Amino acid sequence: LLVQATKAAADAKVDRIPKGLELQFNEFAKMVMEESQRMIIQDLDPKTVAATMQAKAEALQKQ
């Protein structure tokens, strides 16, 4: 399924890496995973976690 999704995105010329985060993508992916786990473990509001992720992503873009 993952290979099919990746191929479909490539065929449609969809960039899977967020713009501005190409160089920091590994750090970005790690942050998303950690924040998602924190949300589940601590039963946090998804809107709050999304806002935190957005702020951290913006900070990564400025690096």
N, C-alpha and C. Protein backbone atom coordinates (compact mmCIF):
# COMPACT_ATOMS: atom_id res chain seq x y z
N LEU A 1 0.83 -1.20 0.00
CA LEU A 1 0.00 0.00 0.00
C LEU A 1 0.87 1.26 0.00
N LEU A 2 1.93 1.26 0.81
CA LEU A 2 2.81 2.42 0.88
C LEU A 2 3.50 2.67 -0.46
N VAL A 3 3.94 1.59 -1.11
CA VAL A 3 4.60 1.72 -2.41
C VAL A 3 3.61 2.27 -3.44
N GLN A 4 2.38 1.77 -3.41
CA GLN A 4 1.36 2.26 -4.34
C GLN A 4 1.07 3.74 -4.11
N ALA A 5 0.97 4.14 -2.86
CA ALA A 5 0.69 5.55 -2.54
C ALA A 5 1.85 6.44 -2.99
N THR A 6 3.07 5.97 -2.77
CA THR A 6 4.24 6.75 -3.18
C THR A 6 4.30 6.87 -4.69
N LYS A 7 4.03 5.76 -5.40
CA LYS A 7 4.05 5.79 -6.87
C LYS A 7 2.95 6.71 -7.40
N ALA A 8 1.76 6.62 -6.82
CA ALA A 8 0.65 7.48 -7.26
C ALA A 8 1.00 8.95 -7.05
N ALA A 9 1.63 9.28 -5.94
CA ALA A 9 2.03 10.67 -5.68
C ALA A 9 3.08 11.11 -6.68
N ALA A 10 4.04 10.24 -6.97
CA ALA A 10 5.09 10.59 -7.94
C ALA A 10 4.49 10.79 -9.33
N ASP A 11 3.57 9.90 -9.72
CA ASP A 11 2.93 10.02 -11.04
C ASP A 11 2.12 11.31 -11.15
N ALA A 12 1.54 11.74 -10.03
CA ALA A 12 0.74 12.97 -10.02
C ALA A 12 1.59 14.20 -9.76
N LYS A 13 2.91 13.99 -9.64
CA LYS A 13 3.86 15.08 -9.38
C LYS A 13 3.55 15.81 -8.07
N VAL A 14 3.18 15.02 -7.06
CA VAL A 14 2.91 15.56 -5.73
C VAL A 14 4.17 15.43 -4.89
N ASP A 15 4.61 16.54 -4.32
CA ASP A 15 5.79 16.52 -3.47
C ASP A 15 5.39 16.07 -2.08
N ARG A 16 5.96 14.97 -1.62
CA ARG A 16 5.58 14.40 -0.33
C ARG A 16 6.26 15.10 0.84
N ILE A 17 7.27 15.90 0.57
CA ILE A 17 7.98 16.62 1.63
C ILE A 17 7.46 18.05 1.68
N PRO A 18 7.04 18.53 2.85
CA PRO A 18 6.53 19.90 2.95
C PRO A 18 7.54 20.94 2.46
N LYS A 19 7.05 21.90 1.69
CA LYS A 19 7.91 22.96 1.16
C LYS A 19 8.59 23.71 2.30
N GLY A 20 9.86 23.98 2.11
CA GLY A 20 10.63 24.69 3.11
C GLY A 20 11.27 23.78 4.15
N LEU A 21 10.89 22.50 4.12
CA LEU A 21 11.44 21.57 5.11
C LEU A 21 12.25 20.46 4.45
N GLU A 22 12.64 20.65 3.19
CA GLU A 22 13.36 19.61 2.48
C GLU A 22 14.64 19.20 3.20
N LEU A 23 15.40 20.16 3.67
CA LEU A 23 16.67 19.86 4.32
C LEU A 23 16.49 19.32 5.73
N GLN A 24 15.41 19.70 6.39
CA GLN A 24 15.16 19.28 7.76
C GLN A 24 14.08 18.20 7.85
N PHE A 25 13.84 17.48 6.75
CA PHE A 25 12.70 16.57 6.74
C PHE A 25 12.79 15.50 7.82
N ASN A 26 13.97 14.93 8.06
CA ASN A 26 14.09 13.89 9.09
C ASN A 26 13.71 14.44 10.46
N GLU A 27 14.17 15.65 10.75
CA GLU A 27 13.83 16.28 12.04
C GLU A 27 12.33 16.57 12.10
N PHE A 28 11.76 17.00 10.98
CA PHE A 28 10.32 17.28 10.90
C PHE A 28 9.52 16.00 11.15
N ALA A 29 9.89 14.92 10.47
CA ALA A 29 9.17 13.65 10.63
C ALA A 29 9.28 13.14 12.07
N LYS A 30 10.45 13.29 12.67
CA LYS A 30 10.65 12.87 14.06
C LYS A 30 9.76 13.69 15.00
N MET A 31 9.69 14.99 14.77
CA MET A 31 8.86 15.86 15.60
C MET A 31 7.38 15.47 15.49
N VAL A 32 6.90 15.20 14.28
CA VAL A 32 5.50 14.82 14.09
C VAL A 32 5.21 13.51 14.84
N MET A 33 6.12 12.55 14.72
CA MET A 33 5.93 11.27 15.40
C MET A 33 5.91 11.47 16.92
N GLU A 34 6.84 12.24 17.45
CA GLU A 34 6.90 12.46 18.90
C GLU A 34 5.67 13.19 19.41
N GLU A 35 5.24 14.21 18.69
CA GLU A 35 4.05 14.96 19.14
C GLU A 35 2.79 14.11 19.05
N SER A 36 2.71 13.26 18.03
CA SER A 36 1.55 12.36 17.90
C SER A 36 1.51 11.37 19.05
N GLN A 37 2.67 10.82 19.39
CA GLN A 37 2.74 9.89 20.51
C GLN A 37 2.38 10.59 21.82
N ARG A 38 2.88 11.80 21.99
CA ARG A 38 2.59 12.57 23.21
C ARG A 38 1.08 12.83 23.33
N MET A 39 0.44 13.14 22.20
CA MET A 39 -1.00 13.40 22.19
C MET A 39 -1.76 12.16 22.65
N ILE A 40 -1.35 10.99 22.13
CA ILE A 40 -2.04 9.75 22.48
C ILE A 40 -1.79 9.38 23.94
N ILE A 41 -0.53 9.41 24.35
CA ILE A 41 -0.17 8.99 25.71
C ILE A 41 -0.78 9.91 26.76
N GLN A 42 -0.74 11.22 26.50
CA GLN A 42 -1.22 12.19 27.49
C GLN A 42 -2.67 12.59 27.26
N ASP A 43 -3.32 11.98 26.26
CA ASP A 43 -4.72 12.27 25.92
C ASP A 43 -4.95 13.77 25.75
N LEU A 44 -4.12 14.38 24.89
CA LEU A 44 -4.19 15.82 24.66
C LEU A 44 -5.18 16.15 23.54
N ASP A 45 -5.63 17.38 23.52
CA ASP A 45 -6.52 17.87 22.48
C ASP A 45 -5.76 17.95 21.16
N PRO A 46 -6.26 17.30 20.10
CA PRO A 46 -5.57 17.33 18.81
C PRO A 46 -5.32 18.74 18.28
N LYS A 47 -6.24 19.67 18.54
CA LYS A 47 -6.04 21.05 18.07
C LYS A 47 -4.83 21.69 18.73
N THR A 48 -4.65 21.42 20.01
CA THR A 48 -3.50 21.96 20.73
C THR A 48 -2.20 21.36 20.20
N VAL A 49 -2.21 20.06 19.97
CA VAL A 49 -1.01 19.39 19.45
C VAL A 49 -0.71 19.87 18.04
N ALA A 50 -1.74 20.05 17.22
CA ALA A 50 -1.53 20.56 15.86
C ALA A 50 -0.91 21.95 15.89
N ALA A 51 -1.34 22.78 16.81
CA ALA A 51 -0.76 24.12 16.94
C ALA A 51 0.71 24.04 17.35
N THR A 52 1.01 23.11 18.25
CA THR A 52 2.41 22.90 18.66
C THR A 52 3.24 22.43 17.48
N MET A 53 2.71 21.47 16.71
CA MET A 53 3.42 20.98 15.53
C MET A 53 3.67 22.10 14.53
N GLN A 54 2.67 22.94 14.33
CA GLN A 54 2.80 24.05 13.39
C GLN A 54 3.92 24.99 13.83
N ALA A 55 3.93 25.32 15.11
CA ALA A 55 4.96 26.22 15.63
C ALA A 55 6.35 25.61 15.49
N LYS A 56 6.46 24.32 15.78
CA LYS A 56 7.76 23.66 15.65
C LYS A 56 8.19 23.56 14.19
N ALA A 57 7.24 23.30 13.29
CA ALA A 57 7.56 23.24 11.86
C ALA A 57 8.04 24.60 11.36
N GLU A 58 7.39 25.66 11.81
CA GLU A 58 7.81 27.01 11.41
C GLU A 58 9.21 27.32 11.94
N ALA A 59 9.51 26.86 13.15
CA ALA A 59 10.85 27.07 13.71
C ALA A 59 11.89 26.31 12.89
N LEU A 60 11.55 25.11 12.44
CA LEU A 60 12.48 24.35 11.60
C LEU A 60 12.74 25.06 10.27
N GLN A 61 11.71 25.67 9.71
CA GLN A 61 11.86 26.38 8.44
C GLN A 61 12.84 27.55 8.56
N LYS A 62 12.92 28.14 9.74
CA LYS A 62 13.78 29.31 9.95
C LYS A 62 15.23 28.93 10.20
N GLN A 63 15.51 27.64 10.36
CA GLN A 63 16.89 27.20 10.62
C GLN A 63 17.72 27.25 9.37
